[in-house]
Full PDB file with SEQRES, HELIX, SHEET, SSBOND, CRYST1, ORIGX, SCALE, CONECT and MASTER records, all heavy atoms in Angstrom:
SEQRES   1 A   34  GLN SER ASN GLY ARG ARG PRO PHE GLY ALA SER CYS ILE          
SEQRES   2 A   34  ILE ALA GLY PHE ASP PRO ASP SER THR PRO HIS LEU TYR          
SEQRES   3 A   34  VAL THR ASP PRO SER GLY THR TYR                              
SHEET    1 AA1 2 CYS A  12  PHE A  17  0                                        
SHEET    2 AA1 2 PRO A  23  THR A  28 -1                                        
CRYST1    1.000    1.000    1.000  90.00  90.00  90.00 P 1           1          
ORIGX1      1.000000  0.000000  0.000000        0.00000                         
ORIGX2      0.000000  1.000000  0.000000        0.00000                         
ORIGX3      0.000000  0.000000  1.000000        0.00000                         
SCALE1      1.000000  0.000000  0.000000        0.00000                         
SCALE2      0.000000  1.000000  0.000000        0.00000                         
SCALE3      0.000000  0.000000  1.000000        0.00000                         
ATOM      1  N   GLN A   1      79.394  74.829  28.362  1.00  0.00           N  
ATOM      2  CA  GLN A   1      79.503  76.282  28.509  1.00  0.00           C  
ATOM      3  C   GLN A   1      80.771  76.706  29.242  1.00  0.00           C  
ATOM      4  O   GLN A   1      80.874  77.842  29.662  1.00  0.00           O  
ATOM      5  CB  GLN A   1      78.272  76.806  29.269  1.00  0.00           C  
ATOM      6  CG  GLN A   1      77.730  78.094  28.708  1.00  0.00           C  
ATOM      7  CD  GLN A   1      76.386  78.457  29.314  1.00  0.00           C  
ATOM      8  OE1 GLN A   1      75.792  77.706  30.078  1.00  0.00           O  
ATOM      9  NE2 GLN A   1      75.889  79.636  28.981  1.00  0.00           N  
ATOM     10  N   SER A   2      81.712  75.783  29.428  1.00  0.00           N  
ATOM     11  CA  SER A   2      82.924  76.086  30.191  1.00  0.00           C  
ATOM     12  C   SER A   2      84.160  75.729  29.387  1.00  0.00           C  
ATOM     13  O   SER A   2      84.202  74.675  28.737  1.00  0.00           O  
ATOM     14  CB  SER A   2      82.943  75.309  31.508  1.00  0.00           C  
ATOM     15  OG  SER A   2      81.758  75.513  32.226  1.00  0.00           O  
ATOM     16  N   ASN A   3      85.180  76.579  29.441  1.00  0.00           N  
ATOM     17  CA  ASN A   3      86.453  76.277  28.791  1.00  0.00           C  
ATOM     18  C   ASN A   3      87.169  75.158  29.540  1.00  0.00           C  
ATOM     19  O   ASN A   3      86.995  74.993  30.748  1.00  0.00           O  
ATOM     20  CB  ASN A   3      87.341  77.518  28.764  1.00  0.00           C  
ATOM     21  CG  ASN A   3      86.955  78.459  27.643  1.00  0.00           C  
ATOM     22  OD1 ASN A   3      86.695  78.025  26.520  1.00  0.00           O  
ATOM     23  ND2 ASN A   3      86.900  79.753  27.933  1.00  0.00           N  
ATOM     24  N   GLY A   4      87.998  74.426  28.825  1.00  0.00           N  
ATOM     25  CA  GLY A   4      88.777  73.373  29.453  1.00  0.00           C  
ATOM     26  C   GLY A   4      88.001  72.106  29.717  1.00  0.00           C  
ATOM     27  O   GLY A   4      88.486  71.196  30.387  1.00  0.00           O  
ATOM     28  N   ARG A   5      86.792  72.006  29.201  1.00  0.00           N  
ATOM     29  CA  ARG A   5      85.974  70.804  29.351  1.00  0.00           C  
ATOM     30  C   ARG A   5      85.440  70.400  27.989  1.00  0.00           C  
ATOM     31  O   ARG A   5      85.508  71.153  27.036  1.00  0.00           O  
ATOM     32  CB  ARG A   5      84.789  71.062  30.291  1.00  0.00           C  
ATOM     33  CG  ARG A   5      85.183  71.375  31.725  1.00  0.00           C  
ATOM     34  CD  ARG A   5      83.945  71.708  32.528  1.00  0.00           C  
ATOM     35  NE  ARG A   5      84.228  71.848  33.953  1.00  0.00           N  
ATOM     36  CZ  ARG A   5      83.305  72.108  34.867  1.00  0.00           C  
ATOM     37  NH1 ARG A   5      82.038  72.253  34.502  1.00  0.00           N  
ATOM     38  NH2 ARG A   5      83.624  72.212  36.134  1.00  0.00           N  
ATOM     39  N   ARG A   6      84.884  69.221  27.944  1.00  0.00           N  
ATOM     40  CA  ARG A   6      84.184  68.792  26.730  1.00  0.00           C  
ATOM     41  C   ARG A   6      82.829  68.233  27.132  1.00  0.00           C  
ATOM     42  O   ARG A   6      82.636  67.823  28.285  1.00  0.00           O  
ATOM     43  CB  ARG A   6      84.991  67.743  25.972  1.00  0.00           C  
ATOM     44  CG  ARG A   6      85.173  66.425  26.714  1.00  0.00           C  
ATOM     45  CD  ARG A   6      85.604  65.331  25.744  1.00  0.00           C  
ATOM     46  NE  ARG A   6      85.889  64.074  26.428  1.00  0.00           N  
ATOM     47  CZ  ARG A   6      84.961  63.220  26.855  1.00  0.00           C  
ATOM     48  NH1 ARG A   6      83.685  63.501  26.682  1.00  0.00           N  
ATOM     49  NH2 ARG A   6      85.306  62.096  27.451  1.00  0.00           N  
ATOM     50  N   PRO A   7      81.857  68.191  26.218  1.00  0.00           N  
ATOM     51  CA  PRO A   7      80.532  67.658  26.556  1.00  0.00           C  
ATOM     52  C   PRO A   7      80.603  66.169  26.892  1.00  0.00           C  
ATOM     53  O   PRO A   7      81.509  65.462  26.453  1.00  0.00           O  
ATOM     54  CB  PRO A   7      79.714  67.892  25.282  1.00  0.00           C  
ATOM     55  CG  PRO A   7      80.470  68.883  24.493  1.00  0.00           C  
ATOM     56  CD  PRO A   7      81.910  68.695  24.836  1.00  0.00           C  
ATOM     57  N   PHE A   8      79.634  65.702  27.654  1.00  0.00           N  
ATOM     58  CA  PHE A   8      79.514  64.274  27.921  1.00  0.00           C  
ATOM     59  C   PHE A   8      79.045  63.575  26.644  1.00  0.00           C  
ATOM     60  O   PHE A   8      78.033  63.956  26.055  1.00  0.00           O  
ATOM     61  CB  PHE A   8      78.486  64.017  29.030  1.00  0.00           C  
ATOM     62  CG  PHE A   8      78.982  64.358  30.403  1.00  0.00           C  
ATOM     63  CD1 PHE A   8      78.703  65.588  30.971  1.00  0.00           C  
ATOM     64  CD2 PHE A   8      79.732  63.445  31.132  1.00  0.00           C  
ATOM     65  CE1 PHE A   8      79.159  65.916  32.241  1.00  0.00           C  
ATOM     66  CE2 PHE A   8      80.193  63.754  32.401  1.00  0.00           C  
ATOM     67  CZ  PHE A   8      79.913  64.984  32.960  1.00  0.00           C  
ATOM     68  N   GLY A   9      79.771  62.538  26.257  1.00  0.00           N  
ATOM     69  CA  GLY A   9      79.395  61.798  25.051  1.00  0.00           C  
ATOM     70  C   GLY A   9      78.444  60.663  25.363  1.00  0.00           C  
ATOM     71  O   GLY A   9      78.686  59.506  24.981  1.00  0.00           O  
ATOM     72  N   ALA A  10      77.361  60.977  26.061  1.00  0.00           N  
ATOM     73  CA  ALA A  10      76.398  59.939  26.452  1.00  0.00           C  
ATOM     74  C   ALA A  10      74.985  60.509  26.442  1.00  0.00           C  
ATOM     75  O   ALA A  10      74.767  61.644  26.865  1.00  0.00           O  
ATOM     76  CB  ALA A  10      76.735  59.391  27.838  1.00  0.00           C  
ATOM     77  N   SER A  11      74.060  59.701  25.968  1.00  0.00           N  
ATOM     78  CA  SER A  11      72.637  60.030  26.026  1.00  0.00           C  
ATOM     79  C   SER A  11      71.974  59.030  26.964  1.00  0.00           C  
ATOM     80  O   SER A  11      72.275  57.839  26.909  1.00  0.00           O  
ATOM     81  CB  SER A  11      72.018  59.940  24.634  1.00  0.00           C  
ATOM     82  OG  SER A  11      70.634  60.196  24.684  1.00  0.00           O  
ATOM     83  N   CYS A  12      71.092  59.510  27.830  1.00  0.00           N  
ATOM     84  CA  CYS A  12      70.521  58.665  28.890  1.00  0.00           C  
ATOM     85  C   CYS A  12      69.008  58.528  28.741  1.00  0.00           C  
ATOM     86  O   CYS A  12      68.318  59.495  28.429  1.00  0.00           O  
ATOM     87  CB  CYS A  12      70.815  59.264  30.266  1.00  0.00           C  
ATOM     88  SG  CYS A  12      72.557  59.659  30.552  1.00  0.00           S  
ATOM     89  N   ILE A  13      68.522  57.326  28.983  1.00  0.00           N  
ATOM     90  CA  ILE A  13      67.083  57.073  29.131  1.00  0.00           C  
ATOM     91  C   ILE A  13      66.844  56.796  30.610  1.00  0.00           C  
ATOM     92  O   ILE A  13      67.385  55.832  31.159  1.00  0.00           O  
ATOM     93  CB  ILE A  13      66.612  55.886  28.278  1.00  0.00           C  
ATOM     94  CG1 ILE A  13      66.895  56.137  26.792  1.00  0.00           C  
ATOM     95  CG2 ILE A  13      65.120  55.638  28.489  1.00  0.00           C  
ATOM     96  CD1 ILE A  13      66.475  54.994  25.889  1.00  0.00           C  
ATOM     97  N   ILE A  14      66.065  57.648  31.252  1.00  0.00           N  
ATOM     98  CA  ILE A  14      65.823  57.546  32.693  1.00  0.00           C  
ATOM     99  C   ILE A  14      64.360  57.184  32.902  1.00  0.00           C  
ATOM    100  O   ILE A  14      63.464  57.871  32.396  1.00  0.00           O  
ATOM    101  CB  ILE A  14      66.172  58.865  33.393  1.00  0.00           C  
ATOM    102  CG1 ILE A  14      67.642  59.211  33.127  1.00  0.00           C  
ATOM    103  CG2 ILE A  14      65.918  58.788  34.898  1.00  0.00           C  
ATOM    104  CD1 ILE A  14      67.949  60.674  33.148  1.00  0.00           C  
ATOM    105  N   ALA A  15      64.121  56.108  33.639  1.00  0.00           N  
ATOM    106  CA  ALA A  15      62.756  55.607  33.812  1.00  0.00           C  
ATOM    107  C   ALA A  15      62.515  55.204  35.258  1.00  0.00           C  
ATOM    108  O   ALA A  15      63.456  54.958  36.011  1.00  0.00           O  
ATOM    109  CB  ALA A  15      62.521  54.408  32.889  1.00  0.00           C  
ATOM    110  N   GLY A  16      61.243  55.138  35.625  1.00  0.00           N  
ATOM    111  CA  GLY A  16      60.903  54.722  36.979  1.00  0.00           C  
ATOM    112  C   GLY A  16      59.553  55.275  37.404  1.00  0.00           C  
ATOM    113  O   GLY A  16      58.741  55.685  36.571  1.00  0.00           O  
ATOM    114  N   PHE A  17      59.363  55.306  38.728  1.00  0.00           N  
ATOM    115  CA  PHE A  17      58.086  55.727  39.293  1.00  0.00           C  
ATOM    116  C   PHE A  17      58.296  56.836  40.316  1.00  0.00           C  
ATOM    117  O   PHE A  17      59.224  56.779  41.127  1.00  0.00           O  
ATOM    118  CB  PHE A  17      57.388  54.545  39.976  1.00  0.00           C  
ATOM    119  CG  PHE A  17      56.867  53.523  39.022  1.00  0.00           C  
ATOM    120  CD1 PHE A  17      57.715  52.565  38.474  1.00  0.00           C  
ATOM    121  CD2 PHE A  17      55.535  53.529  38.634  1.00  0.00           C  
ATOM    122  CE1 PHE A  17      57.244  51.618  37.583  1.00  0.00           C  
ATOM    123  CE2 PHE A  17      55.052  52.586  37.733  1.00  0.00           C  
ATOM    124  CZ  PHE A  17      55.903  51.633  37.210  1.00  0.00           C  
ATOM    125  N   ASP A  18      57.421  57.843  40.269  1.00  0.00           N  
ATOM    126  CA  ASP A  18      57.410  58.875  41.302  1.00  0.00           C  
ATOM    127  C   ASP A  18      56.853  58.290  42.601  1.00  0.00           C  
ATOM    128  O   ASP A  18      56.216  57.233  42.591  1.00  0.00           O  
ATOM    129  CB  ASP A  18      56.542  60.054  40.849  1.00  0.00           C  
ATOM    130  CG  ASP A  18      57.294  60.995  39.913  1.00  0.00           C  
ATOM    131  OD1 ASP A  18      58.536  60.846  39.795  1.00  0.00           O  
ATOM    132  OD2 ASP A  18      56.646  61.851  39.299  1.00  0.00           O  
ATOM    133  N   PRO A  19      57.048  58.992  43.727  1.00  0.00           N  
ATOM    134  CA  PRO A  19      56.474  58.514  44.994  1.00  0.00           C  
ATOM    135  C   PRO A  19      54.960  58.315  44.950  1.00  0.00           C  
ATOM    136  O   PRO A  19      54.409  57.522  45.713  1.00  0.00           O  
ATOM    137  CB  PRO A  19      56.856  59.628  45.977  1.00  0.00           C  
ATOM    138  CG  PRO A  19      58.117  60.207  45.414  1.00  0.00           C  
ATOM    139  CD  PRO A  19      57.943  60.148  43.933  1.00  0.00           C  
ATOM    140  N   ASP A  20      54.265  59.035  44.032  1.00  0.00           N  
ATOM    141  CA  ASP A  20      52.808  58.855  43.910  1.00  0.00           C  
ATOM    142  C   ASP A  20      52.431  57.741  42.922  1.00  0.00           C  
ATOM    143  O   ASP A  20      51.290  57.648  42.489  1.00  0.00           O  
ATOM    144  CB  ASP A  20      52.144  60.176  43.502  1.00  0.00           C  
ATOM    145  CG  ASP A  20      52.563  60.625  42.096  1.00  0.00           C  
ATOM    146  OD1 ASP A  20      53.413  59.942  41.479  1.00  0.00           O  
ATOM    147  OD2 ASP A  20      52.052  61.655  41.621  1.00  0.00           O  
ATOM    148  N   SER A  21      53.420  56.917  42.552  1.00  0.00           N  
ATOM    149  CA  SER A  21      53.229  55.734  41.692  1.00  0.00           C  
ATOM    150  C   SER A  21      52.995  56.058  40.223  1.00  0.00           C  
ATOM    151  O   SER A  21      52.530  55.202  39.462  1.00  0.00           O  
ATOM    152  CB  SER A  21      52.072  54.860  42.213  1.00  0.00           C  
ATOM    153  OG  SER A  21      52.348  54.414  43.521  1.00  0.00           O  
ATOM    154  N   THR A  22      53.319  57.271  39.790  1.00  0.00           N  
ATOM    155  CA  THR A  22      53.188  57.635  38.372  1.00  0.00           C  
ATOM    156  C   THR A  22      54.454  57.215  37.616  1.00  0.00           C  
ATOM    157  O   THR A  22      55.555  57.604  38.008  1.00  0.00           O  
ATOM    158  CB  THR A  22      52.991  59.150  38.208  1.00  0.00           C  
ATOM    159  OG1 THR A  22      51.888  59.565  39.003  1.00  0.00           O  
ATOM    160  CG2 THR A  22      52.733  59.509  36.746  1.00  0.00           C  
ATOM    161  N   PRO A  23      54.327  56.424  36.536  1.00  0.00           N  
ATOM    162  CA  PRO A  23      55.517  56.045  35.756  1.00  0.00           C  
ATOM    163  C   PRO A  23      55.969  57.174  34.838  1.00  0.00           C  
ATOM    164  O   PRO A  23      55.145  57.958  34.349  1.00  0.00           O  
ATOM    165  CB  PRO A  23      55.025  54.846  34.942  1.00  0.00           C  
ATOM    166  CG  PRO A  23      53.555  55.075  34.785  1.00  0.00           C  
ATOM    167  CD  PRO A  23      53.091  55.811  36.018  1.00  0.00           C  
ATOM    168  N   HIS A  24      57.274  57.271  34.618  1.00  0.00           N  
ATOM    169  CA  HIS A  24      57.827  58.291  33.722  1.00  0.00           C  
ATOM    170  C   HIS A  24      58.973  57.691  32.914  1.00  0.00           C  
ATOM    171  O   HIS A  24      59.632  56.752  33.351  1.00  0.00           O  
ATOM    172  CB  HIS A  24      58.353  59.494  34.511  1.00  0.00           C  
ATOM    173  CG  HIS A  24      57.288  60.293  35.192  1.00  0.00           C  
ATOM    174  ND1 HIS A  24      56.468  61.171  34.521  1.00  0.00           N  
ATOM    175  CD2 HIS A  24      56.912  60.340  36.494  1.00  0.00           C  
ATOM    176  CE1 HIS A  24      55.628  61.731  35.374  1.00  0.00           C  
ATOM    177  NE2 HIS A  24      55.880  61.243  36.578  1.00  0.00           N  
ATOM    178  N   LEU A  25      59.201  58.288  31.735  1.00  0.00           N  
ATOM    179  CA  LEU A  25      60.312  57.905  30.876  1.00  0.00           C  
ATOM    180  C   LEU A  25      60.889  59.180  30.259  1.00  0.00           C  
ATOM    181  O   LEU A  25      60.193  59.869  29.513  1.00  0.00           O  
ATOM    182  CB  LEU A  25      59.839  56.950  29.777  1.00  0.00           C  
ATOM    183  CG  LEU A  25      60.910  56.434  28.815  1.00  0.00           C  
ATOM    184  CD1 LEU A  25      61.738  55.339  29.485  1.00  0.00           C  
ATOM    185  CD2 LEU A  25      60.272  55.881  27.541  1.00  0.00           C  
ATOM    186  N   TYR A  26      62.135  59.491  30.602  1.00  0.00           N  
ATOM    187  CA  TYR A  26      62.791  60.703  30.103  1.00  0.00           C  
ATOM    188  C   TYR A  26      64.032  60.340  29.286  1.00  0.00           C  
ATOM    189  O   TYR A  26      64.656  59.297  29.506  1.00  0.00           O  
ATOM    190  CB  TYR A  26      63.234  61.600  31.262  1.00  0.00           C  
ATOM    191  CG  TYR A  26      62.108  62.277  32.009  1.00  0.00           C  
ATOM    192  CD1 TYR A  26      61.566  61.708  33.161  1.00  0.00           C  
ATOM    193  CD2 TYR A  26      61.590  63.502  31.582  1.00  0.00           C  
ATOM    194  CE1 TYR A  26      60.533  62.328  33.860  1.00  0.00           C  
ATOM    195  CE2 TYR A  26      60.564  64.131  32.275  1.00  0.00           C  
ATOM    196  CZ  TYR A  26      60.039  63.537  33.409  1.00  0.00           C  
ATOM    197  OH  TYR A  26      59.018  64.156  34.099  1.00  0.00           O  
ATOM    198  N   VAL A  27      64.381  61.237  28.364  1.00  0.00           N  
ATOM    199  CA  VAL A  27      65.605  61.091  27.579  1.00  0.00           C  
ATOM    200  C   VAL A  27      66.391  62.393  27.660  1.00  0.00           C  
ATOM    201  O   VAL A  27      65.820  63.479  27.514  1.00  0.00           O  
ATOM    202  CB  VAL A  27      65.292  60.754  26.103  1.00  0.00           C  
ATOM    203  CG1 VAL A  27      66.583  60.672  25.296  1.00  0.00           C  
ATOM    204  CG2 VAL A  27      64.521  59.446  25.998  1.00  0.00           C  
ATOM    205  N   THR A  28      67.702  62.288  27.913  1.00  0.00           N  
ATOM    206  CA  THR A  28      68.573  63.467  27.883  1.00  0.00           C  
ATOM    207  C   THR A  28      69.624  63.270  26.798  1.00  0.00           C  
ATOM    208  O   THR A  28      70.009  62.134  26.494  1.00  0.00           O  
ATOM    209  CB  THR A  28      69.296  63.679  29.227  1.00  0.00           C  
ATOM    210  OG1 THR A  28      70.306  62.677  29.386  1.00  0.00           O  
ATOM    211  CG2 THR A  28      68.338  63.608  30.396  1.00  0.00           C  
ATOM    212  N   ASP A  29      70.095  64.376  26.209  1.00  0.00           N  
ATOM    213  CA  ASP A  29      71.161  64.278  25.205  1.00  0.00           C  
ATOM    214  C   ASP A  29      72.377  65.091  25.643  1.00  0.00           C  
ATOM    215  O   ASP A  29      72.322  65.795  26.657  1.00  0.00           O  
ATOM    216  CB  ASP A  29      70.638  64.694  23.825  1.00  0.00           C  
ATOM    217  CG  ASP A  29      70.285  66.169  23.736  1.00  0.00           C  
ATOM    218  OD1 ASP A  29      70.733  66.949  24.591  1.00  0.00           O  
ATOM    219  OD2 ASP A  29      69.563  66.553  22.792  1.00  0.00           O  
ATOM    220  N   PRO A  30      73.505  65.015  24.915  1.00  0.00           N  
ATOM    221  CA  PRO A  30      74.732  65.696  25.353  1.00  0.00           C  
ATOM    222  C   PRO A  30      74.609  67.212  25.498  1.00  0.00           C  
ATOM    223  O   PRO A  30      75.409  67.829  26.203  1.00  0.00           O  
ATOM    224  CB  PRO A  30      75.737  65.335  24.255  1.00  0.00           C  
ATOM    225  CG  PRO A  30      75.272  64.025  23.736  1.00  0.00           C  
ATOM    226  CD  PRO A  30      73.777  64.119  23.770  1.00  0.00           C  
ATOM    227  N   SER A  31      73.615  67.833  24.855  1.00  0.00           N  
ATOM    228  CA  SER A  31      73.467  69.285  24.961  1.00  0.00           C  
ATOM    229  C   SER A  31      72.870  69.717  26.295  1.00  0.00           C  
ATOM    230  O   SER A  31      72.922  70.894  26.657  1.00  0.00           O  
ATOM    231  CB  SER A  31      72.586  69.804  23.817  1.00  0.00           C  
ATOM    232  OG  SER A  31      71.246  69.361  23.996  1.00  0.00           O  
ATOM    233  N   GLY A  32      72.260  68.773  27.037  1.00  0.00           N  
ATOM    234  CA  GLY A  32      71.608  69.115  28.295  1.00  0.00           C  
ATOM    235  C   GLY A  32      70.101  69.248  28.160  1.00  0.00           C  
ATOM    236  O   GLY A  32      69.419  69.623  29.107  1.00  0.00           O  
ATOM    237  N   THR A  33      69.572  68.903  27.012  1.00  0.00           N  
ATOM    238  CA  THR A  33      68.114  68.915  26.805  1.00  0.00           C  
ATOM    239  C   THR A  33      67.507  67.645  27.394  1.00  0.00           C  
ATOM    240  O   THR A  33      68.095  66.575  27.293  1.00  0.00           O  
ATOM    241  CB  THR A  33      67.792  68.974  25.304  1.00  0.00           C  
ATOM    242  OG1 THR A  33      68.431  70.120  24.740  1.00  0.00           O  
ATOM    243  CG2 THR A  33      66.286  69.071  25.063  1.00  0.00           C  
ATOM    244  N   TYR A  34      66.313  67.762  28.000  1.00  0.00           N  
ATOM    245  CA  TYR A  34      65.610  66.545  28.427  1.00  0.00           C  
ATOM    246  C   TYR A  34      64.141  66.634  28.024  1.00  0.00           C  
ATOM    247  O   TYR A  34      63.552  67.707  28.018  1.00  0.00           O  
ATOM    248  CB  TYR A  34      65.758  66.308  29.938  1.00  0.00           C  
ATOM    249  CG  TYR A  34      64.966  67.216  30.850  1.00  0.00           C  
ATOM    250  CD1 TYR A  34      63.685  66.872  31.274  1.00  0.00           C  
ATOM    251  CD2 TYR A  34      65.503  68.418  31.304  1.00  0.00           C  
ATOM    252  CE1 TYR A  34      62.961  67.702  32.120  1.00  0.00           C  
ATOM    253  CE2 TYR A  34      64.793  69.248  32.160  1.00  0.00           C  
ATOM    254  CZ  TYR A  34      63.523  68.888  32.565  1.00  0.00           C  
ATOM    255  OH  TYR A  34      62.810  69.712  33.408  1.00  0.00           O  
TER     256      TYR A  34                                                      
MASTER        0    0    0    0    2    0    0    6  255    1    0    3          
END                                                                             
């Protein structure tokens, strides 16, 4: 959304455990959606 920049060309898979021991698996894409 900013001039003079380009989007990040990377998609991330983020995984782990919350402090209450709940496991999670998230995916983000270059648009900023997760």
